[in-house]
Amino acid sequence: MTRSRRIGRLAVRRLLFGVPLVLGVSLATFALAAASPFDPLEAYLRGVGDGLTEVEREALRHTLGLDQSWIAAWWHWLTGALTGDLGYSRAYHEPVAQVLADRLGWTALLGLAGSVVAVTFALTLGAIAGLRAGGLVDRGISALAVLLQAVPPFIVALGAVLVLAVTFRLFPSSGLTDPGAAVTAASAVRHLVLPALVLGISQVPWLILGLREAIVAVATSDPVRGARARGLPRGVVERGHILPMAAAPFFALIGGRLPELLIGATVVETVFAWPGLGDATVDSARAMDFPLLAIVTVLTVGLVLLGNLAADAAAIAVDPRIEADG
């Protein structure tokens, strides 16, 4: 079977698995929200509803659809979402579709830039450490990765702001543009560098260590020993045998780290006032804005599934021994 057919079979199987999973996650979101001890009406009123009578409160609750059972609210949201109506965001006082249109692109841009930073650093440092395992450089890179892993992302973000934005003024500290200036492509890119760097660095440690371990394991495998026994040059063995074989577990690790990338994006967006979905996720949870919270949760699960599919497809593409079993 060709690689393209194996990847196609894998995609179909993941789709059959992913659809009920996404539905279950959306259902669980409404169930957990209903079990919350907080009143969504009070979150909507934000402490200014003391003058309302009980009748007025009930009328407002009915208008907002808060008097429904959670299963009825979920079904209303699901049927609306299937027809393109994602509901109304109580946190932002506008349609959920508009909130997504305003913010999804910025989150995608930050996530993509952060992923490029993380993969670039991890490939470079992980390959150097793995191919020179046991040496001084390997020990230094591994120690740095362990140290970075112990530092919370918000500490990395605040440290980057202090050093690179405040002290040396190399990059802007927040937002998409300078105060009072219009948002342009150039200003967005300039303001993107620091949060993307922080987001990427926060994901680097385990990627470095994972690639290093994969390379060390492959270097002692029978195919590599055979290649060396045939007298192939070291560079040929490393580029033609070790690195391609180590790429498969590295891609799988990238897919498995996607949830942490999304969590890190939420922290980074908050610190750098980046107008993405991370900030909207926090606001929707705080305001118990169920329609917005549900679609953000579904998008997150969908992205994780898509990322895992892409990682497995890439692994199949670089290593023909892998079968599309998932």
Protein backbone atom coordinates (compact mmCIF):
# COMPACT_ATOMS: atom_id res chain seq x y z
CA MET A 1 0.00 0.00 0.00
CA THR A 2 1.33 3.44 -0.93
CA ARG A 3 2.03 6.09 1.69
CA SER A 4 -0.73 8.36 0.39
CA ARG A 5 -3.30 5.56 0.75
CA ARG A 6 -2.09 4.78 4.26
CA ILE A 7 -2.40 8.45 5.20
CA GLY A 8 -5.88 8.55 3.65
CA ARG A 9 -7.00 5.52 5.67
CA LEU A 10 -5.60 7.11 8.80
CA ALA A 11 -7.51 10.35 8.12
CA VAL A 12 -10.81 8.47 7.65
CA ARG A 13 -10.35 6.52 10.87
CA ARG A 14 -9.49 9.65 12.84
CA LEU A 15 -12.56 11.41 11.40
CA LEU A 16 -14.83 8.56 12.47
CA PHE A 17 -13.31 8.77 15.94
CA GLY A 18 -13.16 12.56 16.12
CA VAL A 19 -16.80 13.43 15.37
CA PRO A 20 -18.32 11.60 18.37
CA LEU A 21 -15.44 12.83 20.54
CA VAL A 22 -16.13 16.46 19.66
CA LEU A 23 -19.85 15.98 20.30
CA GLY A 24 -19.08 14.39 23.66
CA VAL A 25 -16.76 17.21 24.65
CA SER A 26 -19.35 19.86 23.76
CA LEU A 27 -21.98 17.95 25.75
CA ALA A 28 -19.62 17.70 28.74
CA THR A 29 -18.94 21.45 28.53
CA PHE A 30 -22.61 22.28 29.04
CA ALA A 31 -22.99 19.62 31.75
CA LEU A 32 -20.02 20.92 33.73
CA ALA A 33 -21.15 24.52 33.28
CA ALA A 34 -24.60 23.61 34.63
CA ALA A 35 -22.97 22.03 37.69
CA SER A 36 -21.12 25.27 38.46
CA PRO A 37 -22.20 26.98 41.70
CA PHE A 38 -22.10 30.37 39.99
CA ASP A 39 -25.18 32.01 38.50
CA PRO A 40 -24.69 32.98 34.83
CA LEU A 41 -27.31 35.71 35.22
CA GLU A 42 -25.28 37.39 37.95
CA ALA A 43 -22.19 37.09 35.75
CA TYR A 44 -24.12 38.75 32.94
CA LEU A 45 -25.40 41.58 35.19
CA ARG A 46 -21.92 42.11 36.67
CA GLY A 47 -23.25 43.30 40.02
CA VAL A 48 -25.59 45.96 38.63
CA GLY A 49 -28.83 44.00 38.95
CA ASP A 50 -29.62 44.75 42.58
CA GLY A 51 -32.55 46.96 41.58
CA LEU A 52 -34.28 44.28 39.51
CA THR A 53 -37.32 42.53 40.88
CA GLU A 54 -37.60 38.76 40.87
CA VAL A 55 -40.09 38.94 38.01
CA GLU A 56 -37.69 41.07 35.97
CA ARG A 57 -34.86 38.66 36.75
CA GLU A 58 -36.90 35.68 35.57
CA ALA A 59 -37.91 37.54 32.41
CA LEU A 60 -34.26 38.35 31.67
CA ARG A 61 -33.25 34.77 32.45
CA HIS A 62 -35.85 33.56 29.93
CA THR A 63 -34.69 36.07 27.30
CA LEU A 64 -31.10 34.89 27.66
CA GLY A 65 -32.15 31.24 27.56
CA LEU A 66 -30.81 30.58 31.04
CA ASP A 67 -34.01 28.91 32.22
CA GLN A 68 -33.39 25.87 30.00
CA SER A 69 -32.00 22.57 31.22
CA TRP A 70 -28.40 22.02 30.26
CA ILE A 71 -29.29 19.26 27.81
CA ALA A 72 -31.86 21.52 26.12
CA ALA A 73 -29.33 24.35 25.99
CA TRP A 74 -26.77 22.00 24.43
CA TRP A 75 -29.23 20.76 21.82
CA HIS A 76 -30.24 24.33 20.97
CA TRP A 77 -26.56 25.28 20.61
CA LEU A 78 -25.72 22.19 18.53
CA THR A 79 -28.59 22.55 16.08
CA GLY A 80 -27.79 26.24 15.68
CA ALA A 81 -24.09 25.53 15.15
CA LEU A 82 -24.87 22.98 12.43
CA THR A 83 -26.78 25.70 10.54
CA GLY A 84 -24.07 28.31 11.05
CA ASP A 85 -25.61 30.08 14.06
CA LEU A 86 -23.08 29.87 16.90
CA GLY A 87 -25.19 31.90 19.30
CA TYR A 88 -24.67 35.20 21.09
CA SER A 89 -21.76 35.97 23.40
CA ARG A 90 -22.92 37.50 26.67
CA ALA A 91 -19.32 38.35 27.59
CA TYR A 92 -18.69 40.44 24.46
CA HIS A 93 -22.28 41.45 23.65
CA GLU A 94 -21.99 40.34 20.04
CA PRO A 95 -22.50 37.15 18.00
CA VAL A 96 -20.04 34.35 18.75
CA ALA A 97 -19.20 34.18 15.04
CA GLN A 98 -18.03 37.79 15.20
CA VAL A 99 -15.87 37.08 18.26
CA LEU A 100 -14.23 34.22 16.36
CA ALA A 101 -13.77 36.32 13.25
CA ASP A 102 -12.04 39.04 15.27
CA ARG A 103 -9.77 36.77 17.29
CA LEU A 104 -9.23 33.36 15.69
CA GLY A 105 -6.79 34.63 13.08
CA TRP A 106 -4.56 36.29 15.68
CA THR A 107 -4.44 33.11 17.78
CA ALA A 108 -3.64 31.03 14.69
CA LEU A 109 -0.83 33.44 13.78
CA LEU A 110 0.66 33.32 17.27
CA GLY A 111 0.34 29.54 17.48
CA LEU A 112 1.95 29.02 14.07
CA ALA A 113 4.81 31.40 14.85
CA GLY A 114 5.34 29.79 18.26
CA SER A 115 5.34 26.33 16.70
CA VAL A 116 7.96 27.37 14.14
CA VAL A 117 10.16 28.73 16.94
CA ALA A 118 9.72 25.59 19.05
CA VAL A 119 10.36 23.12 16.22
CA THR A 120 13.36 25.07 14.92
CA PHE A 121 15.06 25.24 18.31
CA ALA A 122 14.14 21.64 19.18
CA LEU A 123 15.36 20.19 15.87
CA THR A 124 18.66 22.05 16.08
CA LEU A 125 19.49 21.53 19.75
CA GLY A 126 17.93 18.05 20.02
CA ALA A 127 19.84 16.78 16.98
CA ILE A 128 23.12 18.22 18.24
CA ALA A 129 22.63 16.70 21.69
CA GLY A 130 21.52 13.31 20.36
CA LEU A 131 24.25 12.94 17.77
CA ARG A 132 26.89 13.95 20.35
CA ALA A 133 25.37 12.06 23.27
CA GLY A 134 27.48 11.98 26.41
CA GLY A 135 29.61 14.95 25.45
CA LEU A 136 29.92 18.34 27.08
CA VAL A 137 27.56 19.99 24.58
CA ASP A 138 24.95 17.28 25.13
CA ARG A 139 25.08 17.71 28.90
CA GLY A 140 24.81 21.48 28.58
CA ILE A 141 21.80 21.34 26.22
CA SER A 142 20.04 18.72 28.38
CA ALA A 143 20.63 20.73 31.54
CA LEU A 144 19.25 23.87 29.87
CA ALA A 145 16.15 21.98 28.71
CA VAL A 146 15.48 20.61 32.20
CA LEU A 147 15.94 24.08 33.68
CA LEU A 148 13.55 25.68 31.20
CA GLN A 149 10.96 22.96 31.81
CA ALA A 150 10.89 23.87 35.51
CA VAL A 151 10.06 27.54 34.79
CA PRO A 152 6.32 28.35 34.38
CA PRO A 153 5.40 30.02 31.06
CA PHE A 154 4.22 33.22 32.72
CA ILE A 155 7.62 33.60 34.41
CA VAL A 156 9.33 33.18 31.03
CA ALA A 157 6.95 35.78 29.58
CA LEU A 158 7.52 38.31 32.35
CA GLY A 159 11.28 37.74 32.21
CA ALA A 160 11.28 38.30 28.45
CA VAL A 161 9.32 41.53 28.85
CA LEU A 162 11.72 42.76 31.54
CA VAL A 163 14.89 41.94 29.61
CA LEU A 164 14.00 42.33 25.93
CA ALA A 165 11.24 44.94 26.05
CA VAL A 166 11.91 47.11 29.11
CA THR A 167 15.68 46.91 29.61
CA PHE A 168 17.05 46.63 26.07
CA ARG A 169 13.92 47.85 24.22
CA LEU A 170 14.43 45.36 21.42
CA PHE A 171 10.75 44.50 21.01
CA PRO A 172 7.37 46.03 21.97
CA SER A 173 5.88 44.67 25.18
CA SER A 174 2.20 44.28 24.27
CA GLY A 175 -0.61 44.71 21.76
CA LEU A 176 -0.57 44.74 17.97
CA THR A 177 0.75 48.24 17.41
CA ASP A 178 2.05 51.32 19.19
CA PRO A 179 -0.46 53.44 21.18
CA GLY A 180 -2.51 55.63 18.85
CA ALA A 181 -1.15 54.02 15.68
CA ALA A 182 -3.08 51.96 13.16
CA VAL A 183 -2.52 48.22 12.98
CA THR A 184 -0.41 47.34 9.95
CA ALA A 185 1.28 44.15 8.82
CA ALA A 186 4.66 45.56 9.82
CA SER A 187 3.50 46.57 13.31
CA ALA A 188 1.78 43.21 13.86
CA VAL A 189 4.92 41.29 12.89
CA ARG A 190 7.08 43.49 15.12
CA HIS A 191 4.75 42.96 18.08
CA LEU A 192 4.48 39.23 17.31
CA VAL A 193 8.18 38.44 17.72
CA LEU A 194 8.36 38.52 21.53
CA PRO A 195 5.16 36.55 22.33
CA ALA A 196 5.97 33.98 19.62
CA LEU A 197 9.49 33.61 21.03
CA VAL A 198 8.14 33.11 24.55
CA LEU A 199 5.46 30.64 23.40
CA GLY A 200 8.00 28.65 21.40
CA ILE A 201 10.59 28.55 24.19
CA SER A 202 7.96 27.35 26.67
CA GLN A 203 7.40 24.26 24.48
CA VAL A 204 11.03 23.57 23.57
CA PRO A 205 12.38 21.58 26.56
CA TRP A 206 10.45 18.32 26.15
CA LEU A 207 10.83 18.46 22.36
CA ILE A 208 14.60 18.74 22.73
CA LEU A 209 14.79 15.91 25.25
CA GLY A 210 12.38 13.76 23.25
CA LEU A 211 14.35 14.12 20.01
CA ARG A 212 17.62 13.51 21.83
CA GLU A 213 16.33 10.26 23.34
CA ALA A 214 14.92 9.14 19.99
CA ILE A 215 18.26 9.74 18.28
CA VAL A 216 20.19 7.92 21.02
CA ALA A 217 17.84 4.92 20.74
CA VAL A 218 18.06 4.82 16.94
CA ALA A 219 21.85 5.14 16.98
CA THR A 220 22.13 1.76 18.74
CA SER A 221 19.56 -0.03 16.54
CA ASP A 222 20.46 -2.89 14.19
CA PRO A 223 19.91 -0.97 10.90
CA VAL A 224 22.31 1.76 12.00
CA ARG A 225 24.87 -0.77 13.20
CA GLY A 226 24.60 -2.48 9.83
CA ALA A 227 25.12 0.80 8.00
CA ARG A 228 28.23 1.51 10.03
CA ALA A 229 29.49 -2.03 9.50
CA ARG A 230 29.24 -1.47 5.74
CA GLY A 231 31.67 1.41 6.13
CA LEU A 232 29.28 4.25 5.28
CA PRO A 233 30.57 7.71 6.22
CA ARG A 234 29.35 9.16 9.51
CA GLY A 235 27.47 11.99 7.83
CA VAL A 236 25.63 9.57 5.53
CA VAL A 237 24.62 7.38 8.49
CA GLU A 238 23.37 10.36 10.47
CA ARG A 239 21.47 12.07 7.64
CA GLY A 240 20.26 8.95 5.84
CA HIS A 241 19.49 6.60 8.71
CA ILE A 242 19.48 8.09 12.23
CA LEU A 243 17.64 11.38 11.68
CA PRO A 244 14.85 9.99 9.44
CA MET A 245 14.19 7.12 11.85
CA ALA A 246 14.17 9.48 14.86
CA ALA A 247 11.76 11.87 13.11
CA ALA A 248 8.71 9.63 13.61
CA PRO A 249 8.66 9.73 17.44
CA PHE A 250 9.56 13.42 17.30
CA PHE A 251 6.51 14.20 15.15
CA ALA A 252 4.33 12.13 17.50
CA LEU A 253 5.68 14.14 20.44
CA ILE A 254 4.82 17.40 18.67
CA GLY A 255 1.23 16.24 18.22
CA GLY A 256 1.00 15.20 21.84
CA ARG A 257 2.25 18.60 23.03
CA LEU A 258 -0.47 20.57 21.24
CA PRO A 259 -2.72 20.90 24.31
CA GLU A 260 0.15 22.51 26.21
CA LEU A 261 0.77 24.82 23.26
CA LEU A 262 -2.85 26.02 23.52
CA ILE A 263 -2.59 26.47 27.28
CA GLY A 264 0.66 28.36 26.84
CA ALA A 265 -0.97 30.56 24.20
CA THR A 266 -3.65 31.57 26.71
CA VAL A 267 -0.99 32.67 29.20
CA VAL A 268 1.09 34.44 26.58
CA GLU A 269 -1.91 36.28 25.11
CA THR A 270 -2.85 37.52 28.56
CA VAL A 271 0.66 38.75 29.41
CA PHE A 272 1.22 40.44 26.04
CA ALA A 273 -2.37 41.71 25.56
CA TRP A 274 -2.54 39.74 22.32
CA PRO A 275 -6.15 39.89 21.02
CA GLY A 276 -6.66 36.18 20.45
CA LEU A 277 -8.97 33.42 21.62
CA GLY A 278 -6.91 32.75 24.74
CA ASP A 279 -8.16 35.94 26.34
CA ALA A 280 -11.68 35.17 25.09
CA THR A 281 -11.52 31.72 26.69
CA VAL A 282 -10.72 33.24 30.07
CA ASP A 283 -13.47 35.85 29.67
CA SER A 284 -16.07 33.28 28.59
CA ALA A 285 -15.29 31.02 31.55
CA ARG A 286 -15.37 33.94 33.98
CA ALA A 287 -18.71 35.18 32.61
CA MET A 288 -20.09 31.63 32.14
CA ASP A 289 -20.69 32.51 28.50
CA PHE A 290 -21.68 28.99 27.43
CA PRO A 291 -22.03 29.49 23.64
CA LEU A 292 -18.57 31.05 23.34
CA LEU A 293 -16.99 28.63 25.82
CA ALA A 294 -18.46 25.65 23.98
CA ILE A 295 -17.22 26.65 20.52
CA VAL A 296 -13.75 27.53 21.86
CA THR A 297 -13.58 24.13 23.57
CA VAL A 298 -14.70 22.35 20.40
CA LEU A 299 -12.15 24.24 18.31
CA THR A 300 -9.43 23.34 20.80
CA VAL A 301 -10.28 19.63 20.66
CA GLY A 302 -10.51 19.78 16.86
CA LEU A 303 -7.10 21.44 16.64
CA VAL A 304 -5.54 18.81 18.88
CA LEU A 305 -7.03 16.01 16.76
CA LEU A 306 -5.88 17.71 13.56
CA GLY A 307 -2.41 18.24 14.97
CA ASN A 308 -2.10 14.59 15.98
CA LEU A 309 -3.28 13.54 12.52
CA ALA A 310 -0.72 15.82 10.87
CA ALA A 311 2.04 14.49 13.13
CA ASP A 312 1.18 10.86 12.37
CA ALA A 313 0.86 11.59 8.65
CA ALA A 314 4.29 13.23 8.66
CA ALA A 315 5.72 10.22 10.49
CA ILE A 316 4.28 7.87 7.85
CA ALA A 317 5.69 10.09 5.10
CA VAL A 318 9.25 9.98 6.45
CA ASP A 319 9.28 6.39 7.72
CA PRO A 320 7.71 3.76 5.40
CA ARG A 321 7.81 1.10 8.15
CA ILE A 322 4.96 2.79 10.06
CA GLU A 323 1.50 1.43 9.43
CA ALA A 324 -1.68 3.53 9.58
CA ASP A 325 -3.24 1.69 12.50
CA GLY A 326 -4.61 4.69 14.46
